[in-house]
Structures are given as C-alpha cells and as structure tokens.
Amino acid sequence: MSKKPTFTQPAELELQILGTLWEHGPGTVRQVMEWLSDGKDRAYTSVLSVMQVMQKKGLLGLADERDGLAHIFKPLVSREQIVTPLLRGLVTKVFGGSTRVAVQHLLQADAVNGQEIDELRGLLDELEAQQGKKTSGSKSKN
C-alpha cells in the first residue's frame, strides 16, 4: 500500500520563498532575500531558519553544487502541487465551491488588460476543446 506524499500547506513566507524559487530557479539564502518582493527587512538568519524548516518539511532540498560556501536551495514541490489544493480550498471556503464566482470576483477586482483577456479566452477555448474530447470520447464508448 503506497502513500501519496503529504505535507502541510506552506505558511505565507514559505509560499513567498517557493514562489521566488519557482520563478528564478535554485538560489542561496541571500538570493532569495533579494527576490522577495514584499519589501520587509528580514535578517539572514531568519530566512535561513525558515528555509531549513522547509527542507525538513520536504518543500526544499539542497542542490548538488554550492555558491562558494553557501548552499543552493531548490524546490522539491511544483507550483501545481501547492497552488491547486490551496486555490481549491479557497474557492470552496470563500466562494461556495463556485469557480465562476471566484474568477468573476478576480476579474472585477483587478485591472485586466486586453492581452490578459485574450490569453484568458485562449485558456477557456483550450478547456472547452478538452472537455469536448472527453465528452465525445465517452459517448463513443456507450
């Protein structure tokens, strides 16, 4: 009986650290501190401690190489592994499970430009095409 890897949802700073590593790739503690965009001043040892805890939780690992004496950290989980359950939980708790209401709220609350609208249309077209394939595939089996 094999178990799926389980981990608790990362805390806010842990999410920010993962976000920087997903965006920039593996990095040292100093690099992560530079990449954090929340504008808060943090001590090196504080960020190091959080990253070490993340390592114990299985969220981060050490790269084989080093930058001088500094360890290089890399994410061991994908953005999808973290974001999908996080967003699903938010949609369930705050929007009664309605993806449409959640997306509608985001679109109304944010300034969405024309390019983003075109990209969203493209994503919806892809989703619709995928669902069409699933529906037609299941019809042909019956």
Protein backbone atom coordinates (compact mmCIF):
# COMPACT_ATOMS: atom_id res chain seq x y z
CA MET A 1 0.00 0.00 0.00
CA SER A 2 1.76 3.16 -1.21
CA LYS A 3 1.04 6.50 0.36
CA LYS A 4 0.84 9.78 -1.51
CA PRO A 5 3.39 12.27 -0.21
CA THR A 6 1.61 14.60 2.17
CA PHE A 7 2.70 17.93 3.52
CA THR A 8 1.00 20.77 5.27
CA GLN A 9 0.20 23.89 3.32
CA PRO A 10 3.14 26.28 3.49
CA ALA A 11 2.89 29.42 5.62
CA GLU A 12 2.88 32.85 3.96
CA LEU A 13 6.66 33.38 3.97
CA GLU A 14 7.20 29.78 2.85
CA LEU A 15 4.87 30.42 -0.11
CA GLN A 16 6.81 33.56 -0.99
CA ILE A 17 10.11 31.67 -0.85
CA LEU A 18 8.72 28.87 -3.03
CA GLY A 19 7.37 31.49 -5.45
CA THR A 20 10.79 33.09 -5.85
CA LEU A 21 12.46 29.73 -6.40
CA TRP A 22 9.83 28.66 -8.95
CA GLU A 23 10.31 31.94 -10.78
CA HIS A 24 14.10 32.33 -10.60
CA GLY A 25 15.31 28.77 -10.14
CA PRO A 26 17.53 27.43 -7.35
CA GLY A 27 19.22 30.03 -5.17
CA THR A 28 21.09 30.83 -2.00
CA VAL A 29 19.50 32.39 1.06
CA ARG A 30 20.91 35.80 0.05
CA GLN A 31 19.45 35.48 -3.45
CA VAL A 32 16.05 34.51 -2.04
CA MET A 33 16.18 37.56 0.26
CA GLU A 34 16.80 39.79 -2.79
CA TRP A 35 13.99 38.13 -4.76
CA LEU A 36 11.36 38.50 -2.01
CA SER A 37 9.09 41.31 -3.15
CA ASP A 38 7.10 42.14 -0.03
CA GLY A 39 9.52 44.92 0.99
CA LYS A 40 10.06 43.61 4.52
CA ASP A 41 13.53 43.69 6.05
CA ARG A 42 14.44 40.26 7.29
CA ALA A 43 17.59 39.01 8.95
CA TYR A 44 19.63 36.47 7.02
CA THR A 45 19.34 34.01 9.91
CA SER A 46 15.53 34.35 9.93
CA VAL A 47 15.24 33.47 6.24
CA LEU A 48 17.81 30.69 6.65
CA SER A 49 15.81 29.23 9.56
CA VAL A 50 12.57 29.26 7.55
CA MET A 51 14.31 27.60 4.59
CA GLN A 52 15.80 24.94 6.86
CA VAL A 53 12.34 24.21 8.29
CA MET A 54 11.04 23.99 4.70
CA GLN A 55 13.80 21.50 4.00
CA LYS A 56 12.67 19.36 6.96
CA LYS A 57 9.07 19.56 5.69
CA GLY A 58 10.18 18.25 2.29
CA LEU A 59 9.42 21.51 0.46
CA LEU A 60 13.06 22.41 -0.30
CA GLY A 61 16.22 20.46 -0.97
CA LEU A 62 19.85 21.30 -1.48
CA ALA A 63 21.32 21.41 -4.96
CA ASP A 64 24.45 19.34 -5.57
CA GLU A 65 26.52 22.44 -6.28
CA ARG A 66 27.30 25.37 -3.96
CA ASP A 67 27.92 29.07 -4.43
CA GLY A 68 31.24 29.34 -2.61
CA LEU A 69 30.37 28.23 0.90
CA ALA A 70 26.65 28.96 0.54
CA HIS A 71 24.17 26.18 -0.03
CA ILE A 72 21.87 26.45 -3.02
CA PHE A 73 18.26 25.57 -2.28
CA LYS A 74 15.80 24.16 -4.80
CA PRO A 75 12.08 23.48 -4.54
CA LEU A 76 11.10 19.82 -4.17
CA VAL A 77 7.44 20.52 -4.89
CA SER A 78 5.90 22.01 -8.01
CA ARG A 79 3.76 25.13 -8.10
CA GLU A 80 0.83 22.94 -9.13
CA GLN A 81 1.22 20.64 -6.09
CA ILE A 82 0.92 23.62 -3.77
CA VAL A 83 -1.38 26.02 -5.61
CA THR A 84 -4.09 23.61 -6.77
CA PRO A 85 -5.23 22.47 -3.30
CA LEU A 86 -4.70 25.98 -1.91
CA LEU A 87 -6.94 27.58 -4.55
CA ARG A 88 -9.47 24.75 -4.42
CA GLY A 89 -9.77 25.23 -0.66
CA LEU A 90 -10.17 28.99 -1.06
CA VAL A 91 -12.85 28.59 -3.73
CA THR A 92 -14.69 26.08 -1.55
CA LYS A 93 -14.48 28.11 1.66
CA VAL A 94 -15.00 31.62 0.31
CA PHE A 95 -16.99 31.17 -2.91
CA GLY A 96 -19.13 28.15 -2.03
CA GLY A 97 -17.20 25.99 -4.48
CA SER A 98 -18.05 28.17 -7.49
CA THR A 99 -15.05 28.67 -9.77
CA ARG A 100 -17.11 31.07 -11.86
CA VAL A 101 -17.83 33.36 -8.90
CA ALA A 102 -14.18 33.28 -7.82
CA VAL A 103 -12.93 34.15 -11.33
CA GLN A 104 -15.62 36.81 -11.73
CA HIS A 105 -14.52 38.39 -8.45
CA LEU A 106 -10.87 38.37 -9.52
CA LEU A 107 -11.67 39.91 -12.89
CA GLN A 108 -13.80 42.65 -11.35
CA ALA A 109 -11.30 43.43 -8.58
CA ASP A 110 -8.23 43.56 -10.85
CA ALA A 111 -7.37 45.80 -13.76
CA VAL A 112 -7.26 43.21 -16.54
CA ASN A 113 -5.75 44.43 -19.80
CA GLY A 114 -6.67 43.38 -23.34
CA GLN A 115 -3.76 40.97 -23.69
CA GLU A 116 -4.75 39.16 -20.49
CA ILE A 117 -8.35 38.95 -21.69
CA ASP A 118 -7.14 37.37 -24.95
CA GLU A 119 -4.99 34.91 -23.00
CA LEU A 120 -7.96 34.02 -20.78
CA ARG A 121 -10.13 33.47 -23.87
CA GLY A 122 -7.44 31.14 -25.22
CA LEU A 123 -7.36 29.19 -21.95
CA LEU A 124 -11.16 28.88 -21.99
CA ASP A 125 -11.09 27.71 -25.62
CA GLU A 126 -8.49 25.05 -24.72
CA LEU A 127 -10.53 23.90 -21.73
CA GLU A 128 -13.68 23.73 -23.83
CA ALA A 129 -11.88 21.70 -26.51
CA GLN A 130 -10.53 19.28 -23.89
CA GLN A 131 -13.96 18.83 -22.36
CA GLY A 132 -15.42 18.29 -25.83
CA LYS A 133 -12.91 15.49 -26.45
CA LYS A 134 -13.76 13.87 -23.11
CA THR A 135 -17.50 14.11 -23.80
CA SER A 136 -17.25 12.75 -27.35
CA GLY A 137 -14.86 10.02 -26.17
CA SER A 138 -17.29 8.85 -23.51
CA LYS A 139 -20.22 8.96 -25.94
CA SER A 140 -18.45 6.67 -28.41
CA LYS A 141 -17.81 4.11 -25.68
CA ASN A 142 -21.52 3.78 -24.82
